[in-house]
C-alpha atoms as a PDB file:
ATOM      1  CA  MET A   1      91.777   2.252 -11.736  1.00  0.00           C
ATOM      2  CA  LYS A   2      95.056   2.051 -13.121  1.00  0.00           C
ATOM      3  CA  LEU A   3      96.532  -1.406 -14.905  1.00  0.00           C
ATOM      4  CA  ARG A   4      99.264  -1.946 -11.601  1.00  0.00           C
ATOM      5  CA  TYR A   5      96.311  -2.023  -8.957  1.00  0.00           C
ATOM      6  CA  THR A   6      93.852  -3.769 -11.238  1.00  0.00           C
ATOM      7  CA  VAL A   7      95.770  -7.277 -11.370  1.00  0.00           C
ATOM      8  CA  PRO A   8      96.520  -7.310  -8.311  1.00  0.00           C
ATOM      9  CA  PHE A   9      93.126  -6.358  -7.069  1.00  0.00           C
ATOM     10  CA  PHE A  10      91.463  -9.040  -9.154  1.00  0.00           C
ATOM     11  CA  ALA A  11      93.800 -11.798  -8.252  1.00  0.00           C
ATOM     12  CA  ALA A  12      93.026 -11.337  -4.753  1.00  0.00           C
ATOM     13  CA  LEU A  13      89.438 -11.347  -5.465  1.00  0.00           C
ATOM     14  CA  CYS A  14      89.738 -14.899  -6.791  1.00  0.00           C
ATOM     15  CA  LEU A  15      92.144 -16.081  -4.165  1.00  0.00           C
ATOM     16  CA  CYS A  16      88.785 -14.821  -1.403  1.00  0.00           C
ATOM     17  CA  VAL A  17      85.805 -16.622  -3.427  1.00  0.00           C
ATOM     18  CA  LEU A  18      87.219 -19.913  -3.845  1.00  0.00           C
ATOM     19  CA  PRO A  19      85.557 -22.477  -1.790  1.00  0.00           C
ATOM     20  CA  LEU A  20      86.972 -24.042   1.329  1.00  0.00           C
ATOM     21  CA  ARG A  21      87.576 -27.098   1.216  1.00  0.00           C
ATOM     22  CA  ALA A  22      85.229 -29.622   3.038  1.00  0.00           C
ATOM     23  CA  ALA A  23      85.590 -30.262   6.306  1.00  0.00           C
ATOM     24  CA  ASP A  24      85.179 -33.883   7.258  1.00  0.00           C
ATOM     25  CA  LEU A  25      82.030 -34.435   9.699  1.00  0.00           C
ATOM     26  CA  VAL A  26      82.342 -37.034  12.583  1.00  0.00           C
ATOM     27  CA  ASP A  27      80.904 -40.501  11.543  1.00  0.00           C
ATOM     28  CA  GLY A  28      77.843 -41.096  12.969  1.00  0.00           C
ATOM     29  CA  ALA A  29      73.818 -41.306  12.439  1.00  0.00           C
ATOM     30  CA  GLY A  30      73.243 -37.830  11.047  1.00  0.00           C
ATOM     31  CA  LYS A  31      75.944 -37.443   9.129  1.00  0.00           C
ATOM     32  CA  ALA A  32      74.469 -38.656   5.784  1.00  0.00           C
ATOM     33  CA  ILE A  33      71.563 -36.178   6.266  1.00  0.00           C
ATOM     34  CA  LEU A  34      73.609 -32.998   6.823  1.00  0.00           C
ATOM     35  CA  GLU A  35      76.094 -34.057   3.950  1.00  0.00           C
ATOM     36  CA  GLN A  36      72.695 -34.342   1.747  1.00  0.00           C
ATOM     37  CA  LYS A  37      70.181 -31.634   2.918  1.00  0.00           C
ATOM     38  CA  CYS A  38      72.970 -29.133   4.584  1.00  0.00           C
ATOM     39  CA  GLY A  39      75.810 -29.935   2.316  1.00  0.00           C
ATOM     40  CA  THR A  40      73.995 -28.488  -0.828  1.00  0.00           C
ATOM     41  CA  CYS A  41      74.008 -25.001   0.401  1.00  0.00           C
ATOM     42  CA  HIS A  42      76.644 -25.016   3.201  1.00  0.00           C
ATOM     43  CA  ASP A  43      80.521 -26.431   2.757  1.00  0.00           C
ATOM     44  CA  THR A  44      80.632 -29.123   5.631  1.00  0.00           C
ATOM     45  CA  GLY A  45      83.706 -26.934   6.975  1.00  0.00           C
ATOM     46  CA  ARG A  46      80.473 -23.930   8.392  1.00  0.00           C
ATOM     47  CA  ILE A  47      79.024 -26.795  10.047  1.00  0.00           C
ATOM     48  CA  SER A  48      81.800 -28.492  11.610  1.00  0.00           C
ATOM     49  CA  GLY A  49      83.652 -25.178  12.468  1.00  0.00           C
ATOM     50  CA  GLN A  50      80.576 -24.258  15.051  1.00  0.00           C
ATOM     51  CA  LYS A  51      80.079 -25.219  18.511  1.00  0.00           C
ATOM     52  CA  LYS A  52      76.421 -24.673  20.026  1.00  0.00           C
ATOM     53  CA  THR A  53      74.273 -25.523  22.623  1.00  0.00           C
ATOM     54  CA  ARG A  54      71.382 -28.134  21.775  1.00  0.00           C
ATOM     55  CA  ASP A  55      69.086 -25.339  21.437  1.00  0.00           C
ATOM     56  CA  ALA A  56      71.271 -23.143  19.561  1.00  0.00           C
ATOM     57  CA  TRP A  57      71.095 -26.141  17.288  1.00  0.00           C
ATOM     58  CA  ILE A  58      67.430 -26.718  16.938  1.00  0.00           C
ATOM     59  CA  ASP A  59      67.101 -22.715  15.877  1.00  0.00           C
ATOM     60  CA  THR A  60      69.569 -22.766  12.914  1.00  0.00           C
ATOM     61  CA  VAL A  61      68.159 -25.899  11.844  1.00  0.00           C
ATOM     62  CA  SER A  62      64.568 -24.644  12.282  1.00  0.00           C
ATOM     63  CA  ARG A  63      65.565 -21.589  10.461  1.00  0.00           C
ATOM     64  CA  MET A  64      67.811 -23.943   7.787  1.00  0.00           C
ATOM     65  CA  ASN A  65      64.634 -25.892   7.080  1.00  0.00           C
ATOM     66  CA  ASP A  66      62.059 -22.781   7.136  1.00  0.00           C
ATOM     67  CA  LYS A  67      64.834 -21.611   3.968  1.00  0.00           C
ATOM     68  CA  GLY A  68      64.106 -24.596   2.093  1.00  0.00           C
ATOM     69  CA  ALA A  69      66.290 -27.766   3.429  1.00  0.00           C
ATOM     70  CA  GLY A  70      63.629 -29.959   3.451  1.00  0.00           C
ATOM     71  CA  LEU A  71      64.565 -32.203   6.568  1.00  0.00           C
ATOM     72  CA  SER A  72      61.558 -34.508   7.989  1.00  0.00           C
ATOM     73  CA  SER A  73      60.906 -35.155  11.314  1.00  0.00           C
ATOM     74  CA  ASP A  74      62.840 -37.308  11.559  1.00  0.00           C
ATOM     75  CA  GLU A  75      65.745 -36.218   9.989  1.00  0.00           C
ATOM     76  CA  PHE A  76      65.553 -33.316  12.402  1.00  0.00           C
ATOM     77  CA  ASP A  77      65.825 -35.332  14.960  1.00  0.00           C
ATOM     78  CA  THR A  78      68.651 -37.058  14.218  1.00  0.00           C
ATOM     79  CA  VAL A  79      70.122 -33.893  12.654  1.00  0.00           C
ATOM     80  CA  ILE A  80      69.574 -32.472  15.817  1.00  0.00           C
ATOM     81  CA  ASP A  81      70.991 -35.190  18.112  1.00  0.00           C
ATOM     82  CA  TYR A  82      73.687 -35.405  15.642  1.00  0.00           C
ATOM     83  CA  LEU A  83      74.958 -31.845  15.935  1.00  0.00           C
ATOM     84  CA  ALA A  84      74.433 -31.579  19.744  1.00  0.00           C
ATOM     85  CA  LYS A  85      76.966 -35.263  20.138  1.00  0.00           C
ATOM     86  CA  ASN A  86      79.571 -33.803  17.977  1.00  0.00           C
ATOM     87  CA  TYR A  87      79.358 -30.651  17.650  1.00  0.00           C
ATOM     88  CA  GLY A  88      77.401 -29.256  20.573  1.00  0.00           C
ATOM     89  CA  LYS A  89      78.996 -26.724  23.651  1.00  0.00           C
ATOM     90  CA  GLU A  90      77.275 -27.505  26.959  1.00  0.00           C
ATOM     91  CA  ASP A  91      74.992 -24.236  28.356  1.00  0.00           C
ATOM     92  CA  SER A  92      76.997 -21.593  30.235  1.00  0.00           C
ATOM     93  CA  LYS A  93      74.109 -21.826  32.730  1.00  0.00           C
ATOM     94  CA  ILE A  94      73.887 -25.138  33.752  1.00  0.00           C
ATOM     95  CA  GLY A  95      76.195 -26.082  36.736  1.00  0.00           C
ATOM     96  CA  THR A  96      77.875 -22.496  37.292  1.00  0.00           C
ATOM     97  CA  SER A  97      75.931 -21.816  40.623  1.00  0.00           C
ATOM     98  CA  ALA A  98      77.132 -23.307  44.035  1.00  0.00           C
ATOM     99  CA  PRO A  99      75.121 -26.106  45.093  1.00  0.00           C
ATOM    100  CA  ALA A 100      73.006 -25.296  47.609  1.00  0.00           C
ATOM    101  CA  LYS A 101      73.713 -25.623  51.344  1.00  0.00           C
ATOM    102  CA  LYS A 102      71.922 -27.403  53.933  1.00  0.00           C
END
């Protein structure tokens, strides 16, 4: 690779790997647990930038716990409640059908 391409390439690479600014999480029960347990591997922007159904959050947090997040049962429940309340989205199946005719 020629030198004139090498410097811009490495400069661009450095900009790409800079850590993202941590996003502020919504205050509430579960925030401290997320920052402590999940924040060791993930930027909080990764968490707050998502909207998932409660079931999807359960799947995600279960997967992370299996990978070593180390959440107790109580912490798991608190985190799921926090995520569903603050970063949840409605299940698209709920309320989409027409009311039953009598």
